[in-house]
Amino acid sequence: MRFLSRPEELILMTIWKLGDDAYCVPIREKVSKISGKDWSFGAVYVPLARLEKKGLIKSRLSSPTKTRGGRGKRYYTMTDSGLKSLAEIRALHEFIWQGMPRICVDKTTI
């Protein structure tokens, strides 16, 4: 099993959820919404580069657009290794949480 940092894990799951629309802006927006924290673009780009280097995602550059000053968007997609890694992470989390007592904080129970 390949362990990931929490930002890598969140971004990997976000790419999976976004599907074909996974480029930095919506990735950043979704991760910020999920975590309740405002993520900078740098906080997204660094884990993206690490995930790509690990072979868990791949990227492609779209055709240039006039609205972006002639630049394309970099889209990210999951690789088979990335999907396997997510499945392993999920199984690990489910195993660890099995049999744990309920947690009640401020009238919220998990």
PDB file of N, CA and C in Angstrom:
ATOM      1  N   MET A   1       0.847  -1.190   0.000  1.00  0.00           N
ATOM      2  CA  MET A   1       0.000   0.000   0.000  1.00  0.00           C
ATOM      3  C   MET A   1       0.875   1.231   0.000  1.00  0.00           C
ATOM      4  N   ARG A   2       0.507   2.203  -0.816  1.00  0.00           N
ATOM      5  CA  ARG A   2       1.228   3.467  -0.900  1.00  0.00           C
ATOM      6  C   ARG A   2       0.490   4.490  -0.047  1.00  0.00           C
ATOM      7  N   PHE A   3       1.148   5.018   0.979  1.00  0.00           N
ATOM      8  CA  PHE A   3       0.519   6.015   1.836  1.00  0.00           C
ATOM      9  C   PHE A   3       0.617   7.389   1.188  1.00  0.00           C
ATOM     10  N   LEU A   4      -0.411   8.178   1.402  1.00  0.00           N
ATOM     11  CA  LEU A   4      -0.474   9.527   0.861  1.00  0.00           C
ATOM     12  C   LEU A   4      -0.644  10.520   1.995  1.00  0.00           C
ATOM     13  N   SER A   5      -0.213  11.758   1.749  1.00  0.00           N
ATOM     14  CA  SER A   5      -0.495  12.819   2.720  1.00  0.00           C
ATOM     15  C   SER A   5      -1.987  13.126   2.641  1.00  0.00           C
ATOM     16  N   ARG A   6      -2.518  13.774   3.650  1.00  0.00           N
ATOM     17  CA  ARG A   6      -3.944  14.121   3.642  1.00  0.00           C
ATOM     18  C   ARG A   6      -4.290  15.022   2.449  1.00  0.00           C
ATOM     19  N   PRO A   7      -3.480  16.069   2.138  1.00  0.00           N
ATOM     20  CA  PRO A   7      -3.796  16.864   0.944  1.00  0.00           C
ATOM     21  C   PRO A   7      -3.799  16.024  -0.339  1.00  0.00           C
ATOM     22  N   GLU A   8      -2.851  15.106  -0.472  1.00  0.00           N
ATOM     23  CA  GLU A   8      -2.827  14.242  -1.651  1.00  0.00           C
ATOM     24  C   GLU A   8      -4.096  13.392  -1.718  1.00  0.00           C
ATOM     25  N   GLU A   9      -4.487  12.846  -0.584  1.00  0.00           N
ATOM     26  CA  GLU A   9      -5.693  12.016  -0.525  1.00  0.00           C
ATOM     27  C   GLU A   9      -6.935  12.815  -0.910  1.00  0.00           C
ATOM     28  N   LEU A  10      -7.083  14.024  -0.354  1.00  0.00           N
ATOM     29  CA  LEU A  10      -8.246  14.865  -0.664  1.00  0.00           C
ATOM     30  C   LEU A  10      -8.276  15.250  -2.141  1.00  0.00           C
ATOM     31  N   ILE A  11      -7.136  15.584  -2.674  1.00  0.00           N
ATOM     32  CA  ILE A  11      -7.080  15.992  -4.073  1.00  0.00           C
ATOM     33  C   ILE A  11      -7.329  14.804  -4.993  1.00  0.00           C
ATOM     34  N   LEU A  12      -6.806  13.647  -4.660  1.00  0.00           N
ATOM     35  CA  LEU A  12      -7.041  12.448  -5.452  1.00  0.00           C
ATOM     36  C   LEU A  12      -8.541  12.107  -5.478  1.00  0.00           C
ATOM     37  N   MET A  13      -9.185  12.163  -4.318  1.00  0.00           N
ATOM     38  CA  MET A  13     -10.624  11.897  -4.255  1.00  0.00           C
ATOM     39  C   MET A  13     -11.411  12.952  -5.038  1.00  0.00           C
ATOM     40  N   THR A  14     -10.972  14.185  -4.979  1.00  0.00           N
ATOM     41  CA  THR A  14     -11.647  15.263  -5.690  1.00  0.00           C
ATOM     42  C   THR A  14     -11.540  15.081  -7.202  1.00  0.00           C
ATOM     43  N   ILE A  15     -10.375  14.687  -7.679  1.00  0.00           N
ATOM     44  CA  ILE A  15     -10.207  14.420  -9.113  1.00  0.00           C
ATOM     45  C   ILE A  15     -11.161  13.308  -9.535  1.00  0.00           C
ATOM     46  N   TRP A  16     -11.277  12.284  -8.721  1.00  0.00           N
ATOM     47  CA  TRP A  16     -12.177  11.173  -9.018  1.00  0.00           C
ATOM     48  C   TRP A  16     -13.620  11.671  -9.096  1.00  0.00           C
ATOM     49  N   LYS A  17     -14.011  12.524  -8.136  1.00  0.00           N
ATOM     50  CA  LYS A  17     -15.380  13.051  -8.119  1.00  0.00           C
ATOM     51  C   LYS A  17     -15.664  13.974  -9.296  1.00  0.00           C
ATOM     52  N   LEU A  18     -14.697  14.804  -9.667  1.00  0.00           N
ATOM     53  CA  LEU A  18     -14.899  15.772 -10.747  1.00  0.00           C
ATOM     54  C   LEU A  18     -14.900  15.120 -12.133  1.00  0.00           C
ATOM     55  N   GLY A  19     -14.245  14.002 -12.271  1.00  0.00           N
ATOM     56  CA  GLY A  19     -14.201  13.323 -13.567  1.00  0.00           C
ATOM     57  C   GLY A  19     -13.523  14.168 -14.630  1.00  0.00           C
ATOM     58  N   ASP A  20     -14.209  14.385 -15.745  1.00  0.00           N
ATOM     59  CA  ASP A  20     -13.626  15.098 -16.884  1.00  0.00           C
ATOM     60  C   ASP A  20     -13.400  16.583 -16.630  1.00  0.00           C
ATOM     61  N   ASP A  21     -13.971  17.143 -15.580  1.00  0.00           N
ATOM     62  CA  ASP A  21     -13.838  18.572 -15.289  1.00  0.00           C
ATOM     63  C   ASP A  21     -12.740  18.874 -14.277  1.00  0.00           C
ATOM     64  N   ALA A  22     -11.806  17.957 -14.085  1.00  0.00           N
ATOM     65  CA  ALA A  22     -10.791  18.129 -13.050  1.00  0.00           C
ATOM     66  C   ALA A  22      -9.593  18.933 -13.559  1.00  0.00           C
ATOM     67  N   TYR A  23      -9.646  20.234 -13.346  1.00  0.00           N
ATOM     68  CA  TYR A  23      -8.475  21.086 -13.528  1.00  0.00           C
ATOM     69  C   TYR A  23      -8.363  21.940 -12.278  1.00  0.00           C
ATOM     70  N   CYS A  24      -7.319  22.695 -12.145  1.00  0.00           N
ATOM     71  CA  CYS A  24      -6.969  23.298 -10.853  1.00  0.00           C
ATOM     72  C   CYS A  24      -8.085  24.118 -10.211  1.00  0.00           C
ATOM     73  N   VAL A  25      -8.784  24.947 -10.967  1.00  0.00           N
ATOM     74  CA  VAL A  25      -9.794  25.828 -10.362  1.00  0.00           C
ATOM     75  C   VAL A  25     -10.909  25.031  -9.681  1.00  0.00           C
ATOM     76  N   PRO A  26     -11.589  24.104 -10.383  1.00  0.00           N
ATOM     77  CA  PRO A  26     -12.633  23.351  -9.679  1.00  0.00           C
ATOM     78  C   PRO A  26     -12.088  22.406  -8.610  1.00  0.00           C
ATOM     79  N   ILE A  27     -10.866  21.906  -8.794  1.00  0.00           N
ATOM     80  CA  ILE A  27     -10.254  21.075  -7.751  1.00  0.00           C
ATOM     81  C   ILE A  27     -10.104  21.912  -6.485  1.00  0.00           C
ATOM     82  N   ARG A  28      -9.546  23.101  -6.626  1.00  0.00           N
ATOM     83  CA  ARG A  28      -9.349  23.999  -5.483  1.00  0.00           C
ATOM     84  C   ARG A  28     -10.679  24.353  -4.819  1.00  0.00           C
ATOM     85  N   GLU A  29     -11.695  24.680  -5.625  1.00  0.00           N
ATOM     86  CA  GLU A  29     -13.001  25.043  -5.075  1.00  0.00           C
ATOM     87  C   GLU A  29     -13.623  23.892  -4.289  1.00  0.00           C
ATOM     88  N   LYS A  30     -13.566  22.685  -4.845  1.00  0.00           N
ATOM     89  CA  LYS A  30     -14.190  21.525  -4.194  1.00  0.00           C
ATOM     90  C   LYS A  30     -13.435  21.148  -2.914  1.00  0.00           C
ATOM     91  N   VAL A  31     -12.108  21.150  -2.960  1.00  0.00           N
ATOM     92  CA  VAL A  31     -11.319  20.811  -1.769  1.00  0.00           C
ATOM     93  C   VAL A  31     -11.553  21.853  -0.675  1.00  0.00           C
ATOM     94  N   SER A  32     -11.654  23.122  -1.062  1.00  0.00           N
ATOM     95  CA  SER A  32     -11.930  24.184  -0.083  1.00  0.00           C
ATOM     96  C   SER A  32     -13.297  23.968   0.553  1.00  0.00           C
ATOM     97  N   LYS A  33     -14.279  23.610  -0.268  1.00  0.00           N
ATOM     98  CA  LYS A  33     -15.631  23.375   0.247  1.00  0.00           C
ATOM     99  C   LYS A  33     -15.668  22.161   1.167  1.00  0.00           C
ATOM    100  N   ILE A  34     -15.036  21.080   0.753  1.00  0.00           N
ATOM    101  CA  ILE A  34     -15.031  19.845   1.543  1.00  0.00           C
ATOM    102  C   ILE A  34     -14.344  20.057   2.890  1.00  0.00           C
ATOM    103  N   SER A  35     -13.194  20.743   2.869  1.00  0.00           N
ATOM    104  CA  SER A  35     -12.388  20.880   4.080  1.00  0.00           C
ATOM    105  C   SER A  35     -12.801  22.059   4.952  1.00  0.00           C
ATOM    106  N   GLY A  36     -13.545  23.005   4.375  1.00  0.00           N
ATOM    107  CA  GLY A  36     -13.915  24.200   5.133  1.00  0.00           C
ATOM    108  C   GLY A  36     -12.769  25.173   5.279  1.00  0.00           C
ATOM    109  N   LYS A  37     -11.708  24.968   4.532  1.00  0.00           N
ATOM    110  CA  LYS A  37     -10.528  25.851   4.560  1.00  0.00           C
ATOM    111  C   LYS A  37     -10.295  26.404   3.160  1.00  0.00           C
ATOM    112  N   ASP A  38      -9.779  27.617   3.074  1.00  0.00           N
ATOM    113  CA  ASP A  38      -9.480  28.224   1.776  1.00  0.00           C
ATOM    114  C   ASP A  38      -8.095  27.760   1.332  1.00  0.00           C
ATOM    115  N   TRP A  39      -8.040  27.003   0.247  1.00  0.00           N
ATOM    116  CA  TRP A  39      -6.775  26.476  -0.275  1.00  0.00           C
ATOM    117  C   TRP A  39      -6.225  27.427  -1.326  1.00  0.00           C
ATOM    118  N   SER A  40      -4.942  27.723  -1.243  1.00  0.00           N
ATOM    119  CA  SER A  40      -4.293  28.523  -2.278  1.00  0.00           C
ATOM    120  C   SER A  40      -4.029  27.624  -3.484  1.00  0.00           C
ATOM    121  N   PHE A  41      -3.742  28.238  -4.622  1.00  0.00           N
ATOM    122  CA  PHE A  41      -3.421  27.437  -5.803  1.00  0.00           C
ATOM    123  C   PHE A  41      -2.138  26.634  -5.579  1.00  0.00           C
ATOM    124  N   GLY A  42      -1.187  27.215  -4.870  1.00  0.00           N
ATOM    125  CA  GLY A  42       0.050  26.493  -4.568  1.00  0.00           C
ATOM    126  C   GLY A  42      -0.203  25.259  -3.723  1.00  0.00           C
ATOM    127  N   ALA A  43      -1.167  25.359  -2.804  1.00  0.00           N
ATOM    128  CA  ALA A  43      -1.495  24.221  -1.944  1.00  0.00           C
ATOM    129  C   ALA A  43      -2.151  23.102  -2.743  1.00  0.00           C
ATOM    130  N   VAL A  44      -2.655  23.414  -3.932  1.00  0.00           N
ATOM    131  CA  VAL A  44      -3.243  22.400  -4.809  1.00  0.00           C
ATOM    132  C   VAL A  44      -2.189  21.881  -5.794  1.00  0.00           C
ATOM    133  N   TYR A  45      -1.409  22.785  -6.370  1.00  0.00           N
ATOM    134  CA  TYR A  45      -0.440  22.385  -7.395  1.00  0.00           C
ATOM    135  C   TYR A  45       0.648  21.460  -6.860  1.00  0.00           C
ATOM    136  N   VAL A  46       1.113  21.675  -5.652  1.00  0.00           N
ATOM    137  CA  VAL A  46       2.192  20.840  -5.099  1.00  0.00           C
ATOM    138  C   VAL A  46       1.748  19.377  -4.970  1.00  0.00           C
ATOM    139  N   PRO A  47       0.595  19.090  -4.330  1.00  0.00           N
ATOM    140  CA  PRO A  47       0.148  17.693  -4.280  1.00  0.00           C
ATOM    141  C   PRO A  47      -0.178  17.118  -5.657  1.00  0.00           C
ATOM    142  N   LEU A  48      -0.693  17.958  -6.570  1.00  0.00           N
ATOM    143  CA  LEU A  48      -0.959  17.477  -7.929  1.00  0.00           C
ATOM    144  C   LEU A  48       0.327  16.977  -8.573  1.00  0.00           C
ATOM    145  N   ALA A  49       1.398  17.741  -8.420  1.00  0.00           N
ATOM    146  CA  ALA A  49       2.684  17.332  -8.999  1.00  0.00           C
ATOM    147  C   ALA A  49       3.181  16.039  -8.365  1.00  0.00           C
ATOM    148  N   ARG A  50       3.018  15.904  -7.046  1.00  0.00           N
ATOM    149  CA  ARG A  50       3.463  14.672  -6.368  1.00  0.00           C
ATOM    150  C   ARG A  50       2.642  13.466  -6.817  1.00  0.00           C
ATOM    151  N   LEU A  51       1.317  13.653  -6.944  1.00  0.00           N
ATOM    152  CA  LEU A  51       0.449  12.560  -7.374  1.00  0.00           C
ATOM    153  C   LEU A  51       0.795  12.120  -8.798  1.00  0.00           C
ATOM    154  N   GLU A  52       1.108  13.091  -9.643  1.00  0.00           N
ATOM    155  CA  GLU A  52       1.479  12.741 -11.018  1.00  0.00           C
ATOM    156  C   GLU A  52       2.825  12.024 -11.052  1.00  0.00           C
ATOM    157  N   LYS A  53       3.759  12.484 -10.239  1.00  0.00           N
ATOM    158  CA  LYS A  53       5.070  11.837 -10.172  1.00  0.00           C
ATOM    159  C   LYS A  53       4.953  10.393  -9.668  1.00  0.00           C
ATOM    160  N   LYS A  54       4.016  10.151  -8.755  1.00  0.00           N
ATOM    161  CA  LYS A  54       3.784   8.809  -8.220  1.00  0.00           C
ATOM    162  C   LYS A  54       3.004   7.916  -9.186  1.00  0.00           C
ATOM    163  N   GLY A  55       2.494   8.508 -10.276  1.00  0.00           N
ATOM    164  CA  GLY A  55       1.756   7.739 -11.263  1.00  0.00           C
ATOM    165  C   GLY A  55       0.296   7.498 -10.906  1.00  0.00           C
ATOM    166  N   LEU A  56      -0.242   8.260  -9.955  1.00  0.00           N
ATOM    167  CA  LEU A  56      -1.620   8.074  -9.522  1.00  0.00           C
ATOM    168  C   LEU A  56      -2.606   8.902 -10.344  1.00  0.00           C
ATOM    169  N   ILE A  57      -2.093   9.948 -10.980  1.00  0.00           N
ATOM    170  CA  ILE A  57      -2.888  10.758 -11.900  1.00  0.00           C
ATOM    171  C   ILE A  57      -2.031  11.046 -13.126  1.00  0.00           C
ATOM    172  N   LYS A  58      -2.697  11.475 -14.185  1.00  0.00           N
ATOM    173  CA  LYS A  58      -1.971  11.968 -15.352  1.00  0.00           C
ATOM    174  C   LYS A  58      -2.642  13.253 -15.787  1.00  0.00           C
ATOM    175  N   SER A  59      -1.912  14.069 -16.511  1.00  0.00           N
ATOM    176  CA  SER A  59      -2.471  15.347 -16.931  1.00  0.00           C
ATOM    177  C   SER A  59      -2.334  15.501 -18.439  1.00  0.00           C
ATOM    178  N   ARG A  60      -3.184  16.365 -18.951  1.00  0.00           N
ATOM    179  CA  ARG A  60      -3.110  16.720 -20.366  1.00  0.00           C
ATOM    180  C   ARG A  60      -3.451  18.192 -20.476  1.00  0.00           C
ATOM    181  N   LEU A  61      -2.890  18.826 -21.480  1.00  0.00           N
ATOM    182  CA  LEU A  61      -3.137  20.246 -21.711  1.00  0.00           C
ATOM    183  C   LEU A  61      -4.214  20.381 -22.781  1.00  0.00           C
ATOM    184  N   SER A  62      -5.236  21.190 -22.505  1.00  0.00           N
ATOM    185  CA  SER A  62      -6.301  21.415 -23.480  1.00  0.00           C
ATOM    186  C   SER A  62      -5.800  22.358 -24.572  1.00  0.00           C
ATOM    187  N   SER A  63      -6.585  22.504 -25.596  1.00  0.00           N
ATOM    188  CA  SER A  63      -6.264  23.461 -26.664  1.00  0.00           C
ATOM    189  C   SER A  63      -6.264  24.874 -26.097  1.00  0.00           C
ATOM    190  N   PRO A  64      -5.446  25.737 -26.648  1.00  0.00           N
ATOM    191  CA  PRO A  64      -5.421  27.131 -26.177  1.00  0.00           C
ATOM    192  C   PRO A  64      -6.775  27.811 -26.389  1.00  0.00           C
ATOM    193  N   THR A  65      -7.110  28.720 -25.470  1.00  0.00           N
ATOM    194  CA  THR A  65      -8.352  29.484 -25.593  1.00  0.00           C
ATOM    195  C   THR A  65      -8.049  30.970 -25.513  1.00  0.00           C
ATOM    196  N   LYS A  66      -8.852  31.763 -26.189  1.00  0.00           N
ATOM    197  CA  LYS A  66      -8.655  33.214 -26.164  1.00  0.00           C
ATOM    198  C   LYS A  66      -8.906  33.787 -24.773  1.00  0.00           C
ATOM    199  N   THR A  67      -9.879  33.192 -24.049  1.00  0.00           N
ATOM    200  CA  THR A  67     -10.222  33.719 -22.722  1.00  0.00           C
ATOM    201  C   THR A  67      -9.089  33.527 -21.725  1.00  0.00           C
ATOM    202  N   ARG A  68      -8.176  32.617 -22.013  1.00  0.00           N
ATOM    203  CA  ARG A  68      -7.038  32.375 -21.117  1.00  0.00           C
ATOM    204  C   ARG A  68      -5.748  32.936 -21.714  1.00  0.00           C
ATOM    205  N   GLY A  69      -5.870  33.895 -22.599  1.00  0.00           N
ATOM    206  CA  GLY A  69      -4.683  34.521 -23.185  1.00  0.00           C
ATOM    207  C   GLY A  69      -3.890  33.564 -24.070  1.00  0.00           C
ATOM    208  N   GLY A  70      -4.576  32.648 -24.715  1.00  0.00           N
ATOM    209  CA  GLY A  70      -3.901  31.700 -25.600  1.00  0.00           C
ATOM    210  C   GLY A  70      -3.319  30.484 -24.903  1.00  0.00           C
ATOM    211  N   ARG A  71      -3.624  30.327 -23.626  1.00  0.00           N
ATOM    212  CA  ARG A  71      -3.124  29.162 -22.883  1.00  0.00           C
ATOM    213  C   ARG A  71      -4.237  28.130 -22.721  1.00  0.00           C
ATOM    214  N   GLY A  72      -3.841  26.880 -22.610  1.00  0.00           N
ATOM    215  CA  GLY A  72      -4.795  25.812 -22.361  1.00  0.00           C
ATOM    216  C   GLY A  72      -4.896  25.519 -20.872  1.00  0.00           C
ATOM    217  N   LYS A  73      -5.899  24.735 -20.525  1.00  0.00           N
ATOM    218  CA  LYS A  73      -6.060  24.284 -19.137  1.00  0.00           C
ATOM    219  C   LYS A  73      -5.397  22.925 -18.996  1.00  0.00           C
ATOM    220  N   ARG A  74      -4.828  22.657 -17.812  1.00  0.00           N
ATOM    221  CA  ARG A  74      -4.247  21.348 -17.529  1.00  0.00           C
ATOM    222  C   ARG A  74      -5.300  20.518 -16.794  1.00  0.00           C
ATOM    223  N   TYR A  75      -5.772  19.481 -17.469  1.00  0.00           N
ATOM    224  CA  TYR A  75      -6.775  18.576 -16.909  1.00  0.00           C
ATOM    225  C   TYR A  75      -6.096  17.354 -16.304  1.00  0.00           C
ATOM    226  N   TYR A  76      -6.661  16.864 -15.206  1.00  0.00           N
ATOM    227  CA  TYR A  76      -6.105  15.718 -14.495  1.00  0.00           C
ATOM    228  C   TYR A  76      -7.096  14.563 -14.512  1.00  0.00           C
ATOM    229  N   THR A  77      -6.586  13.355 -14.692  1.00  0.00           N
ATOM    230  CA  THR A  77      -7.414  12.152 -14.646  1.00  0.00           C
ATOM    231  C   THR A  77      -6.726  11.100 -13.796  1.00  0.00           C
ATOM    232  N   MET A  78      -7.538  10.215 -13.267  1.00  0.00           N
ATOM    233  CA  MET A  78      -7.033   9.120 -12.445  1.00  0.00           C
ATOM    234  C   MET A  78      -6.387   8.058 -13.333  1.00  0.00           C
ATOM    235  N   THR A  79      -5.369   7.427 -12.822  1.00  0.00           N
ATOM    236  CA  THR A  79      -4.809   6.252 -13.475  1.00  0.00           C
ATOM    237  C   THR A  79      -5.355   5.022 -12.742  1.00  0.00           C
ATOM    238  N   ASP A  80      -5.113   3.851 -13.301  1.00  0.00           N
ATOM    239  CA  ASP A  80      -5.525   2.626 -12.612  1.00  0.00           C
ATOM    240  C   ASP A  80      -4.859   2.528 -11.240  1.00  0.00           C
ATOM    241  N   SER A  81      -3.605   2.961 -11.158  1.00  0.00           N
ATOM    242  CA  SER A  81      -2.897   2.956  -9.867  1.00  0.00           C
ATOM    243  C   SER A  81      -3.549   3.910  -8.879  1.00  0.00           C
ATOM    244  N   GLY A  82      -4.046   5.034  -9.370  1.00  0.00           N
ATOM    245  CA  GLY A  82      -4.743   5.990  -8.508  1.00  0.00           C
ATOM    246  C   GLY A  82      -6.036   5.423  -7.962  1.00  0.00           C
ATOM    247  N   LEU A  83      -6.797   4.750  -8.824  1.00  0.00           N
ATOM    248  CA  LEU A  83      -8.041   4.120  -8.366  1.00  0.00           C
ATOM    249  C   LEU A  83      -7.751   3.023  -7.353  1.00  0.00           C
ATOM    250  N   LYS A  84      -6.713   2.245  -7.599  1.00  0.00           N
ATOM    251  CA  LYS A  84      -6.336   1.182  -6.658  1.00  0.00           C
ATOM    252  C   LYS A  84      -5.938   1.792  -5.317  1.00  0.00           C
ATOM    253  N   SER A  85      -5.204   2.873  -5.366  1.00  0.00           N
ATOM    254  CA  SER A  85      -4.772   3.550  -4.149  1.00  0.00           C
ATOM    255  C   SER A  85      -5.976   4.058  -3.355  1.00  0.00           C
ATOM    256  N   LEU A  86      -6.967   4.642  -4.044  1.00  0.00           N
ATOM    257  CA  LEU A  86      -8.181   5.099  -3.355  1.00  0.00           C
ATOM    258  C   LEU A  86      -8.927   3.935  -2.713  1.00  0.00           C
ATOM    259  N   ALA A  87      -9.014   2.822  -3.422  1.00  0.00           N
ATOM    260  CA  ALA A  87      -9.697   1.641  -2.875  1.00  0.00           C
ATOM    261  C   ALA A  87      -8.980   1.152  -1.614  1.00  0.00           C
ATOM    262  N   GLU A  88      -7.657   1.150  -1.636  1.00  0.00           N
ATOM    263  CA  GLU A  88      -6.882   0.719  -0.470  1.00  0.00           C
ATOM    264  C   GLU A  88      -7.069   1.680   0.698  1.00  0.00           C
ATOM    265  N   ILE A  89      -7.079   2.979   0.412  1.00  0.00           N
ATOM    266  CA  ILE A  89      -7.283   3.983   1.460  1.00  0.00           C
ATOM    267  C   ILE A  89      -8.658   3.809   2.097  1.00  0.00           C
ATOM    268  N   ARG A  90      -9.674   3.612   1.256  1.00  0.00           N
ATOM    269  CA  ARG A  90     -11.034   3.435   1.769  1.00  0.00           C
ATOM    270  C   ARG A  90     -11.125   2.186   2.641  1.00  0.00           C
ATOM    271  N   ALA A  91     -10.549   1.074   2.171  1.00  0.00           N
ATOM    272  CA  ALA A  91     -10.577  -0.175   2.947  1.00  0.00           C
ATOM    273  C   ALA A  91      -9.863   0.013   4.281  1.00  0.00           C
ATOM    274  N   LEU A  92      -8.744   0.727   4.278  1.00  0.00           N
ATOM    275  CA  LEU A  92      -7.998   0.974   5.513  1.00  0.00           C
ATOM    276  C   LEU A  92      -8.833   1.799   6.487  1.00  0.00           C
ATOM    277  N   HIS A  93      -9.456   2.870   5.980  1.00  0.00           N
ATOM    278  CA  HIS A  93     -10.292   3.709   6.847  1.00  0.00           C
ATOM    279  C   HIS A  93     -11.455   2.904   7.425  1.00  0.00           C
ATOM    280  N   GLU A  94     -12.117   2.120   6.602  1.00  0.00           N
ATOM    281  CA  GLU A  94     -13.248   1.317   7.078  1.00  0.00           C
ATOM    282  C   GLU A  94     -12.800   0.300   8.119  1.00  0.00           C
ATOM    283  N   PHE A  95     -11.636  -0.316   7.904  1.00  0.00           N
ATOM    284  CA  PHE A  95     -11.114  -1.285   8.859  1.00  0.00           C
ATOM    285  C   PHE A  95     -10.788  -0.622  10.192  1.00  0.00           C
ATOM    286  N   ILE A  96     -10.133   0.524  10.140  1.00  0.00           N
ATOM    287  CA  ILE A  96      -9.743   1.226  11.366  1.00  0.00           C
ATOM    288  C   ILE A  96     -10.977   1.666  12.157  1.00  0.00           C
ATOM    289  N   TRP A  97     -12.032   2.123  11.471  1.00  0.00           N
ATOM    290  CA  TRP A  97     -13.217   2.626  12.146  1.00  0.00           C
ATOM    291  C   TRP A  97     -14.144   1.524  12.638  1.00  0.00           C
ATOM    292  N   GLN A  98     -13.940   0.275  12.183  1.00  0.00           N
ATOM    293  CA  GLN A  98     -14.794  -0.829  12.646  1.00  0.00           C
ATOM    294  C   GLN A  98     -14.718  -0.967  14.159  1.00  0.00           C
ATOM    295  N   GLY A  99     -15.865  -1.050  14.772  1.00  0.00           N
ATOM    296  CA  GLY A  99     -15.923  -1.294  16.205  1.00  0.00           C
ATOM    297  C   GLY A  99     -15.588  -0.101  17.072  1.00  0.00           C
ATOM    298  N   MET A 100     -15.332   1.056  16.463  1.00  0.00           N
ATOM    299  CA  MET A 100     -15.026   2.247  17.256  1.00  0.00           C
ATOM    300  C   MET A 100     -16.319   2.781  17.866  1.00  0.00           C
ATOM    301  N   PRO A 101     -16.241   3.252  19.099  1.00  0.00           N
ATOM    302  CA  PRO A 101     -17.448   3.824  19.709  1.00  0.00           C
ATOM    303  C   PRO A 101     -17.827   5.120  19.007  1.00  0.00           C
ATOM    304  N   ARG A 102     -19.099   5.460  19.097  1.00  0.00           N
ATOM    305  CA  ARG A 102     -19.583   6.704  18.519  1.00  0.00           C
ATOM    306  C   ARG A 102     -18.902   7.884  19.206  1.00  0.00           C
ATOM    307  N   ILE A 103     -18.701   8.953  18.462  1.00  0.00           N
ATOM    308  CA  ILE A 103     -18.098  10.171  18.989  1.00  0.00           C
ATOM    309  C   ILE A 103     -19.155  11.261  18.943  1.00  0.00           C
ATOM    310  N   CYS A 104     -19.381  11.919  20.076  1.00  0.00           N
ATOM    311  CA  CYS A 104     -20.357  12.994  20.134  1.00  0.00           C
ATOM    312  C   CYS A 104     -19.654  14.278  20.535  1.00  0.00           C
ATOM    313  N   VAL A 105     -19.669  15.243  19.621  1.00  0.00           N
ATOM    314  CA  VAL A 105     -19.045  16.535  19.875  1.00  0.00           C
ATOM    315  C   VAL A 105     -20.053  17.623  19.490  1.00  0.00           C
ATOM    316  N   ASP A 106     -20.363  18.486  20.427  1.00  0.00           N
ATOM    317  CA  ASP A 106     -21.297  19.591  20.171  1.00  0.00           C
ATOM    318  C   ASP A 106     -22.593  19.115  19.525  1.00  0.00           C
ATOM    319  N   LYS A 107     -23.179  18.065  20.082  1.00  0.00           N
ATOM    320  CA  LYS A 107     -24.453  17.499  19.625  1.00  0.00           C
ATOM    321  C   LYS A 107     -24.393  16.878  18.237  1.00  0.00           C
ATOM    322  N   THR A 108     -23.184  16.676  17.711  1.00  0.00           N
ATOM    323  CA  THR A 108     -23.006  15.992  16.433  1.00  0.00           C
ATOM    324  C   THR A 108     -22.405  14.638  16.717  1.00  0.00           C
ATOM    325  N   THR A 109     -23.040  13.586  16.239  1.00  0.00           N
ATOM    326  CA  THR A 109     -22.546  12.232  16.478  1.00  0.00           C
ATOM    327  C   THR A 109     -22.025  11.633  15.186  1.00  0.00           C
ATOM    328  N   ILE A 110     -20.822  11.085  15.274  1.00  0.00           N
ATOM    329  CA  ILE A 110     -20.267  10.355  14.133  1.00  0.00           C
ATOM    330  C   ILE A 110     -19.856   8.962  14.577  1.00  0.00           C
TER     331      ILE A 110
END
